[in-house]
C-alpha atoms as a PDB file:
ATOM      1  CA  MET A   1       0.068  -0.142  -0.176  1.00  0.00           C
ATOM      2  CA  PRO A   2       1.398   3.356  -1.278  1.00  0.00           C
ATOM      3  CA  ARG A   3       2.267   5.810   1.902  1.00  0.00           C
ATOM      4  CA  ARG A   4       0.107   9.042   1.968  1.00  0.00           C
ATOM      5  CA  SER A   5       2.162  12.237   1.013  1.00  0.00           C
ATOM      6  CA  THR A   6       3.241  14.593   3.620  1.00  0.00           C
ATOM      7  CA  ALA A   7       0.994  16.941   2.924  1.00  0.00           C
ATOM      8  CA  ALA A   8      -1.959  14.851   3.086  1.00  0.00           C
ATOM      9  CA  VAL A   9      -1.231  13.981   6.417  1.00  0.00           C
ATOM     10  CA  ALA A  10      -0.548  17.467   7.464  1.00  0.00           C
ATOM     11  CA  ASP A  11      -4.030  18.049   6.105  1.00  0.00           C
ATOM     12  CA  THR A  12      -5.272  14.982   8.253  1.00  0.00           C
ATOM     13  CA  ARG A  13      -3.306  16.259  11.564  1.00  0.00           C
ATOM     14  CA  ALA A  14      -5.194  19.592  11.006  1.00  0.00           C
ATOM     15  CA  GLU A  15      -8.730  18.162  10.288  1.00  0.00           C
ATOM     16  CA  VAL A  16      -7.999  16.041  13.554  1.00  0.00           C
ATOM     17  CA  LEU A  17      -6.849  19.320  15.668  1.00  0.00           C
ATOM     18  CA  ASP A  18      -9.965  21.522  14.107  1.00  0.00           C
ATOM     19  CA  VAL A  19     -12.144  18.851  15.785  1.00  0.00           C
ATOM     20  CA  ALA A  20     -10.108  18.127  19.029  1.00  0.00           C
ATOM     21  CA  VAL A  21      -9.705  21.624  19.706  1.00  0.00           C
ATOM     22  CA  ARG A  22     -13.674  21.849  19.665  1.00  0.00           C
ATOM     23  CA  ARG A  23     -14.328  18.953  21.799  1.00  0.00           C
ATOM     24  CA  ALA A  24     -11.302  19.845  23.910  1.00  0.00           C
ATOM     25  CA  SER A  25     -13.450  23.520  24.712  1.00  0.00           C
ATOM     26  CA  ILE A  26     -16.253  21.525  26.118  1.00  0.00           C
ATOM     27  CA  ASP A  27     -14.552  18.218  27.591  1.00  0.00           C
ATOM     28  CA  GLY A  28     -11.229  20.028  28.924  1.00  0.00           C
ATOM     29  CA  LEU A  29      -7.939  18.311  27.448  1.00  0.00           C
ATOM     30  CA  GLU A  30      -7.811  16.016  30.080  1.00  0.00           C
ATOM     31  CA  GLY A  31     -11.310  14.317  28.541  1.00  0.00           C
ATOM     32  CA  LEU A  32      -9.818  14.636  25.306  1.00  0.00           C
ATOM     33  CA  THR A  33      -8.419  10.770  24.259  1.00  0.00           C
ATOM     34  CA  ILE A  34      -7.448   8.970  21.121  1.00  0.00           C
ATOM     35  CA  GLY A  35     -10.447   6.656  21.486  1.00  0.00           C
ATOM     36  CA  ARG A  36     -12.929   9.006  22.184  1.00  0.00           C
ATOM     37  CA  LEU A  37     -11.301  11.438  19.264  1.00  0.00           C
ATOM     38  CA  ALA A  38     -11.278   8.404  16.952  1.00  0.00           C
ATOM     39  CA  ASP A  39     -14.917   7.290  17.329  1.00  0.00           C
ATOM     40  CA  GLU A  40     -15.801  11.288  16.805  1.00  0.00           C
ATOM     41  CA  LEU A  41     -13.531  11.178  13.463  1.00  0.00           C
ATOM     42  CA  SER A  42     -14.300   7.279  12.168  1.00  0.00           C
ATOM     43  CA  MET A  43     -10.689   6.773  12.497  1.00  0.00           C
ATOM     44  CA  SER A  44      -8.751   4.378  13.669  1.00  0.00           C
ATOM     45  CA  LYS A  45      -6.724   4.672  17.256  1.00  0.00           C
ATOM     46  CA  SER A  46      -3.796   3.723  15.399  1.00  0.00           C
ATOM     47  CA  GLY A  47      -4.296   5.950  12.748  1.00  0.00           C
ATOM     48  CA  LEU A  48      -4.520   8.892  15.536  1.00  0.00           C
ATOM     49  CA  HIS A  49      -1.976   7.441  17.363  1.00  0.00           C
ATOM     50  CA  GLY A  50       0.021   7.513  14.350  1.00  0.00           C
ATOM     51  CA  LEU A  51      -0.282  11.291  13.868  1.00  0.00           C
ATOM     52  CA  PHE A  52       0.033  12.080  17.583  1.00  0.00           C
ATOM     53  CA  GLY A  53       2.061   9.330  19.279  1.00  0.00           C
ATOM     54  CA  SER A  54       0.741   9.408  22.958  1.00  0.00           C
ATOM     55  CA  LYS A  55      -2.538  11.131  24.741  1.00  0.00           C
ATOM     56  CA  GLU A  56      -0.192  14.290  26.126  1.00  0.00           C
ATOM     57  CA  GLU A  57       1.193  15.098  22.389  1.00  0.00           C
ATOM     58  CA  LEU A  58      -2.417  15.286  21.397  1.00  0.00           C
ATOM     59  CA  GLN A  59      -3.475  17.345  23.992  1.00  0.00           C
ATOM     60  CA  LEU A  60      -0.618  19.652  23.635  1.00  0.00           C
ATOM     61  CA  ALA A  61      -0.803  20.057  19.875  1.00  0.00           C
ATOM     62  CA  THR A  62      -4.720  20.434  20.802  1.00  0.00           C
ATOM     63  CA  PHE A  63      -3.935  23.343  22.969  1.00  0.00           C
ATOM     64  CA  GLU A  64      -1.099  25.016  20.755  1.00  0.00           C
ATOM     65  CA  ASN A  65      -3.658  25.210  17.853  1.00  0.00           C
ATOM     66  CA  ALA A  66      -6.448  26.365  19.653  1.00  0.00           C
ATOM     67  CA  VAL A  67      -3.664  29.251  20.567  1.00  0.00           C
ATOM     68  CA  GLU A  68      -2.380  29.830  17.186  1.00  0.00           C
ATOM     69  CA  SER A  69      -6.413  30.353  16.298  1.00  0.00           C
ATOM     70  CA  PHE A  70      -6.771  32.790  18.812  1.00  0.00           C
ATOM     71  CA  THR A  71      -3.974  34.520  17.412  1.00  0.00           C
ATOM     72  CA  ARG A  72      -5.434  34.664  13.787  1.00  0.00           C
ATOM     73  CA  GLU A  73      -8.827  35.744  15.327  1.00  0.00           C
ATOM     74  CA  VAL A  74      -7.584  38.358  18.020  1.00  0.00           C
ATOM     75  CA  TRP A  75      -4.447  39.364  17.907  1.00  0.00           C
ATOM     76  CA  LEU A  76      -3.425  39.497  14.122  1.00  0.00           C
ATOM     77  CA  PRO A  77      -5.848  41.932  12.616  1.00  0.00           C
ATOM     78  CA  VAL A  78      -4.841  44.401  14.535  1.00  0.00           C
ATOM     79  CA  ALA A  79      -1.110  43.638  15.157  1.00  0.00           C
ATOM     80  CA  GLY A  80      -0.110  46.364  12.299  1.00  0.00           C
ATOM     81  CA  ARG A  81      -1.634  49.167  13.505  1.00  0.00           C
ATOM     82  CA  PRO A  82       0.665  51.599  15.926  1.00  0.00           C
ATOM     83  CA  PRO A  83       1.251  50.755  19.683  1.00  0.00           C
ATOM     84  CA  GLY A  84      -0.669  52.470  22.465  1.00  0.00           C
ATOM     85  CA  LEU A  85      -3.860  52.637  23.632  1.00  0.00           C
ATOM     86  CA  PRO A  86      -6.193  52.848  20.352  1.00  0.00           C
ATOM     87  CA  ARG A  87      -4.810  49.424  19.164  1.00  0.00           C
ATOM     88  CA  LEU A  88      -4.964  47.814  22.616  1.00  0.00           C
ATOM     89  CA  LEU A  89      -8.938  48.863  22.827  1.00  0.00           C
ATOM     90  CA  ALA A  90      -9.481  47.379  19.459  1.00  0.00           C
ATOM     91  CA  LEU A  91      -7.535  43.926  20.968  1.00  0.00           C
ATOM     92  CA  LEU A  92      -9.389  43.876  23.875  1.00  0.00           C
ATOM     93  CA  ASP A  93     -12.836  44.539  21.696  1.00  0.00           C
ATOM     94  CA  ARG A  94     -11.567  41.836  19.516  1.00  0.00           C
ATOM     95  CA  TRP A  95     -11.111  39.421  22.311  1.00  0.00           C
ATOM     96  CA  LEU A  96     -14.448  40.101  23.985  1.00  0.00           C
ATOM     97  CA  ALA A  97     -15.980  39.499  20.033  1.00  0.00           C
ATOM     98  CA  TYR A  98     -14.093  36.223  20.009  1.00  0.00           C
ATOM     99  CA  HIS A  99     -15.955  34.707  23.111  1.00  0.00           C
ATOM    100  CA  ARG A 100     -19.225  36.424  22.282  1.00  0.00           C
ATOM    101  CA  ARG A 101     -19.154  34.936  19.016  1.00  0.00           C
ATOM    102  CA  ARG A 102     -18.488  31.516  20.420  1.00  0.00           C
ATOM    103  CA  VAL A 103     -15.711  30.508  18.470  1.00  0.00           C
ATOM    104  CA  LEU A 104     -15.488  27.326  20.519  1.00  0.00           C
ATOM    105  CA  PRO A 105     -18.441  25.445  22.206  1.00  0.00           C
ATOM    106  CA  GLY A 106     -16.925  25.304  25.325  1.00  0.00           C
ATOM    107  CA  GLY A 107     -15.337  28.888  25.577  1.00  0.00           C
ATOM    108  CA  CYS A 108     -12.143  29.769  26.135  1.00  0.00           C
ATOM    109  CA  LEU A 109      -9.646  26.930  26.144  1.00  0.00           C
ATOM    110  CA  VAL A 110      -6.546  28.392  27.545  1.00  0.00           C
ATOM    111  CA  THR A 111      -8.467  29.458  30.585  1.00  0.00           C
ATOM    112  CA  THR A 112     -10.335  25.575  30.619  1.00  0.00           C
ATOM    113  CA  ALA A 113      -6.603  24.482  30.674  1.00  0.00           C
ATOM    114  CA  THR A 114      -5.240  27.069  33.405  1.00  0.00           C
ATOM    115  CA  ILE A 115      -8.148  25.750  35.715  1.00  0.00           C
ATOM    116  CA  GLU A 116      -7.227  22.147  34.697  1.00  0.00           C
ATOM    117  CA  PHE A 117      -3.287  22.079  35.209  1.00  0.00           C
ATOM    118  CA  ASP A 118      -2.576  25.135  37.004  1.00  0.00           C
ATOM    119  CA  ALA A 119      -1.666  22.743  39.919  1.00  0.00           C
ATOM    120  CA  ARG A 120      -0.150  19.974  37.816  1.00  0.00           C
ATOM    121  CA  PRO A 121       3.235  20.119  36.804  1.00  0.00           C
ATOM    122  CA  GLY A 122       4.328  18.924  33.300  1.00  0.00           C
ATOM    123  CA  PRO A 123       4.325  19.966  29.543  1.00  0.00           C
ATOM    124  CA  LEU A 124       0.655  20.977  29.712  1.00  0.00           C
ATOM    125  CA  ARG A 125       1.026  22.988  32.714  1.00  0.00           C
ATOM    126  CA  ASP A 126       3.980  24.599  30.814  1.00  0.00           C
ATOM    127  CA  ALA A 127       2.366  25.579  27.613  1.00  0.00           C
ATOM    128  CA  VAL A 128      -0.380  26.935  29.655  1.00  0.00           C
ATOM    129  CA  ALA A 129       1.943  29.323  31.252  1.00  0.00           C
ATOM    130  CA  ARG A 130       3.595  30.190  28.328  1.00  0.00           C
ATOM    131  CA  ALA A 131       0.369  31.091  26.247  1.00  0.00           C
ATOM    132  CA  ARG A 132      -0.617  33.541  29.220  1.00  0.00           C
ATOM    133  CA  ARG A 133       2.726  35.122  29.566  1.00  0.00           C
ATOM    134  CA  GLN A 134       2.624  35.878  25.917  1.00  0.00           C
ATOM    135  CA  MET A 135      -0.625  37.443  26.103  1.00  0.00           C
ATOM    136  CA  HIS A 136       0.268  39.634  29.240  1.00  0.00           C
ATOM    137  CA  ALA A 137       3.291  40.487  27.562  1.00  0.00           C
ATOM    138  CA  VAL A 138       1.328  42.019  24.424  1.00  0.00           C
ATOM    139  CA  LEU A 139      -0.867  43.741  26.626  1.00  0.00           C
ATOM    140  CA  HIS A 140       1.959  45.076  28.708  1.00  0.00           C
ATOM    141  CA  ALA A 141       3.704  46.364  25.854  1.00  0.00           C
ATOM    142  CA  ASP A 142       1.396  48.622  24.808  1.00  0.00           C
ATOM    143  CA  ILE A 143       0.063  49.844  28.183  1.00  0.00           C
ATOM    144  CA  ARG A 144       3.635  50.632  28.660  1.00  0.00           C
ATOM    145  CA  THR A 145       3.621  52.594  25.316  1.00  0.00           C
ATOM    146  CA  ALA A 146      -0.002  54.326  26.239  1.00  0.00           C
ATOM    147  CA  VAL A 147       1.994  55.465  29.361  1.00  0.00           C
ATOM    148  CA  GLU A 148       5.295  56.747  27.646  1.00  0.00           C
ATOM    149  CA  ALA A 149       2.849  58.722  25.105  1.00  0.00           C
ATOM    150  CA  GLY A 150       0.541  60.117  27.907  1.00  0.00           C
ATOM    151  CA  GLU A 151      -2.436  57.839  26.991  1.00  0.00           C
ATOM    152  CA  LEU A 152      -2.518  56.739  30.378  1.00  0.00           C
ATOM    153  CA  PRO A 153      -1.187  57.903  33.780  1.00  0.00           C
ATOM    154  CA  ALA A 154       2.450  57.917  34.009  1.00  0.00           C
ATOM    155  CA  SER A 155       1.264  56.291  37.701  1.00  0.00           C
ATOM    156  CA  ALA A 156      -0.645  53.279  35.649  1.00  0.00           C
ATOM    157  CA  ASP A 157       1.992  49.875  36.407  1.00  0.00           C
ATOM    158  CA  PRO A 158       1.806  48.403  33.247  1.00  0.00           C
ATOM    159  CA  ALA A 159       1.965  44.902  34.738  1.00  0.00           C
ATOM    160  CA  ASP A 160      -0.996  45.621  37.250  1.00  0.00           C
ATOM    161  CA  VAL A 161      -3.092  47.096  34.278  1.00  0.00           C
ATOM    162  CA  ALA A 162      -2.264  44.219  32.212  1.00  0.00           C
ATOM    163  CA  PHE A 163      -3.242  41.812  34.951  1.00  0.00           C
ATOM    164  CA  THR A 164      -6.725  43.607  35.514  1.00  0.00           C
ATOM    165  CA  LEU A 165      -7.464  43.508  31.994  1.00  0.00           C
ATOM    166  CA  TYR A 166      -6.663  39.913  31.250  1.00  0.00           C
ATOM    167  CA  ALA A 167      -9.061  38.786  34.702  1.00  0.00           C
ATOM    168  CA  ILE A 168     -12.008  41.180  33.057  1.00  0.00           C
ATOM    169  CA  VAL A 169     -11.733  39.420  29.791  1.00  0.00           C
ATOM    170  CA  SER A 170     -11.131  35.651  31.139  1.00  0.00           C
ATOM    171  CA  THR A 171     -14.571  36.462  33.937  1.00  0.00           C
ATOM    172  CA  ALA A 172     -16.461  38.229  30.659  1.00  0.00           C
ATOM    173  CA  SER A 173     -15.599  34.348  28.700  1.00  0.00           C
ATOM    174  CA  GLN A 174     -17.052  32.407  31.655  1.00  0.00           C
ATOM    175  CA  ALA A 175     -20.201  34.676  32.200  1.00  0.00           C
ATOM    176  CA  ILE A 176     -20.808  34.703  28.501  1.00  0.00           C
ATOM    177  CA  GLN A 177     -20.718  30.904  28.496  1.00  0.00           C
ATOM    178  CA  LEU A 178     -23.099  31.040  31.411  1.00  0.00           C
ATOM    179  CA  GLU A 179     -25.371  32.909  29.526  1.00  0.00           C
ATOM    180  CA  GLU A 180     -24.970  35.834  32.039  1.00  0.00           C
ATOM    181  CA  ARG A 181     -27.226  38.772  30.525  1.00  0.00           C
ATOM    182  CA  GLY A 182     -24.907  41.911  29.250  1.00  0.00           C
ATOM    183  CA  ALA A 183     -21.512  40.429  30.203  1.00  0.00           C
ATOM    184  CA  SER A 184     -20.002  41.476  27.036  1.00  0.00           C
ATOM    185  CA  ALA A 185     -21.201  44.851  27.415  1.00  0.00           C
ATOM    186  CA  ARG A 186     -20.468  44.944  30.964  1.00  0.00           C
ATOM    187  CA  ALA A 187     -16.373  43.747  30.296  1.00  0.00           C
ATOM    188  CA  ARG A 188     -16.230  46.332  27.752  1.00  0.00           C
ATOM    189  CA  ARG A 189     -17.178  48.954  30.105  1.00  0.00           C
ATOM    190  CA  CYS A 190     -14.700  47.391  32.624  1.00  0.00           C
ATOM    191  CA  VAL A 191     -12.113  47.509  30.599  1.00  0.00           C
ATOM    192  CA  ARG A 192     -12.839  51.293  29.233  1.00  0.00           C
ATOM    193  CA  VAL A 193     -12.879  52.305  32.947  1.00  0.00           C
ATOM    194  CA  VAL A 194      -9.452  50.845  33.673  1.00  0.00           C
ATOM    195  CA  LEU A 195      -7.808  52.431  30.815  1.00  0.00           C
ATOM    196  CA  GLY A 196      -9.717  55.688  31.525  1.00  0.00           C
ATOM    197  CA  ALA A 197     -11.434  55.723  28.399  1.00  0.00           C
ATOM    198  CA  ALA A 198     -15.256  55.412  29.153  1.00  0.00           C
END
């Protein structure tokens, strides 16, 4: 039997990861298994195992795929704008819209994975921590630029403001999943209060 081309394998892997991300957003990464995913995709377990090698590798690839998708949806569309307060607000608005549109049926996979792995050392916890650090760094950079440009008070600590904004958007994600009325609009208002842009 002829071997599949590298491109065909990559396409299959991408299709599997799309389904895995959606499933993990509901069941968590721990609930993501090769057996259950194989059943959902009508694939053999050995075929899936060949693509990922282990449950942990599947979980890591799924998480990384979710982060890449989030980056494409939320960060890249605003990345070319001049740094500072306007770009920061645009980023936060896109982030909240991402949750409001329920791009993933179970909500933010980073939030879910943080709850799952924050007390469990290992590669998955490391990946979650890295993703959170990267997003904090993005927020921190625009906040620092806004302070330097006089768009935010000189007394504003970029790390503290980034922490607060991340907390607001993470809470909004959960509230939206729980169908709390007006959660997205409330979060948008809170963001602007924190940034003095109400």
